Amino acid sequence: MYAQLIDDSEGKILLAVSTLKLNGKKAGNGGNVAAAEKVGQLIAEGAREKGFETVVFDRGGYLYHGRVKALAEAARKGGLKF
């Protein structure tokens, strides 16, 4: 699972977080809610460090439940508004 902070006006990726490498270690298959929560926390921290508080959450067509919901709720808990 991954999350990206993208500047659509310039087409640039500002920040990317993935379950492939959490804390410098492989995080398994990344297919669980705990991994999604960690990605949400990290994307929120990185966004705040770059000065962003409000973002648009694009689910990419995925339903808002399970891992997607866990990522979103963790990002909100981390201070992001969307």
Protein backbone atom coordinates (compact mmCIF):
# COMPACT_ATOMS: atom_id res chain seq x y z
CA MET A 1 0.00 0.00 0.00
CA TYR A 2 1.22 3.50 -0.71
CA ALA A 3 0.20 7.14 -0.40
CA GLN A 4 1.51 10.12 -2.32
CA LEU A 5 1.33 13.86 -1.87
CA ILE A 6 1.09 15.28 -5.40
CA ASP A 7 1.08 18.83 -6.73
CA ASP A 8 -1.41 18.42 -9.58
CA SER A 9 -0.72 21.88 -11.00
CA GLU A 10 2.91 20.96 -11.70
CA GLY A 11 2.52 17.19 -11.94
CA LYS A 12 5.15 16.58 -9.25
CA ILE A 13 5.20 14.04 -6.46
CA LEU A 14 6.09 15.90 -3.28
CA LEU A 15 6.10 12.92 -0.92
CA ALA A 16 5.57 9.18 -1.21
CA VAL A 17 5.15 6.62 1.58
CA SER A 18 4.89 2.88 1.05
CA THR A 19 4.59 -0.30 3.08
CA LEU A 20 7.51 -1.69 1.07
CA LYS A 21 9.97 0.10 3.30
CA LEU A 22 8.75 1.27 6.68
CA ASN A 23 11.54 2.42 8.98
CA GLY A 24 14.12 1.11 6.53
CA LYS A 25 12.90 -2.48 6.85
CA LYS A 26 10.68 -4.56 4.67
CA ALA A 27 7.21 -4.53 6.20
CA GLY A 28 5.87 -7.78 4.80
CA ASN A 29 3.14 -7.75 2.23
CA GLY A 30 1.62 -4.50 3.48
CA GLY A 31 -1.84 -5.96 3.06
CA ASN A 32 -3.12 -5.33 6.55
CA VAL A 33 -4.86 -2.54 8.42
CA ALA A 34 -1.89 -1.92 10.75
CA ALA A 35 0.40 -1.24 7.80
CA ALA A 36 -2.19 1.09 6.25
CA GLU A 37 -2.43 3.01 9.52
CA LYS A 38 1.35 3.42 9.60
CA VAL A 39 1.32 4.76 6.01
CA GLY A 40 -1.42 7.23 7.02
CA GLN A 41 0.60 8.42 10.00
CA LEU A 42 3.75 8.87 7.93
CA ILE A 43 2.03 10.72 5.09
CA ALA A 44 0.45 13.09 7.63
CA GLU A 45 3.80 13.75 9.31
CA GLY A 46 5.52 14.37 5.99
CA ALA A 47 2.75 16.65 4.75
CA ARG A 48 2.87 18.74 7.92
CA GLU A 49 6.66 19.03 7.64
CA LYS A 50 6.19 20.39 4.13
CA GLY A 51 3.59 22.89 5.38
CA PHE A 52 0.39 21.21 4.20
CA GLU A 53 -2.66 20.86 6.42
CA THR A 54 -5.45 20.45 3.88
CA VAL A 55 -5.28 17.92 1.06
CA VAL A 56 -7.59 16.11 -1.34
CA PHE A 57 -7.94 12.40 -0.61
CA ASP A 58 -8.21 10.42 -3.85
CA ARG A 59 -9.08 6.78 -3.25
CA GLY A 60 -8.23 5.87 -6.82
CA GLY A 61 -11.55 4.10 -7.26
CA TYR A 62 -11.14 1.88 -4.20
CA LEU A 63 -14.05 1.59 -1.77
CA TYR A 64 -13.76 3.55 1.46
CA HIS A 65 -13.42 0.64 3.87
CA GLY A 66 -10.76 -1.62 5.32
CA ARG A 67 -7.22 -0.52 4.56
CA VAL A 68 -8.25 2.62 2.67
CA LYS A 69 -10.38 3.76 5.60
CA ALA A 70 -7.59 2.92 8.07
CA LEU A 71 -5.08 4.99 6.07
CA ALA A 72 -7.48 7.95 5.86
CA GLU A 73 -8.38 7.89 9.56
CA ALA A 74 -4.72 7.69 10.57
CA ALA A 75 -3.89 10.64 8.31
CA ARG A 76 -6.73 12.66 9.86
CA LYS A 77 -5.57 11.70 13.32
CA GLY A 78 -2.11 12.90 12.27
CA GLY A 79 -3.50 16.37 11.51
CA LEU A 80 -4.45 16.30 7.82
CA LYS A 81 -7.80 17.75 6.75
CA PHE A 82 -9.61 16.48 3.69
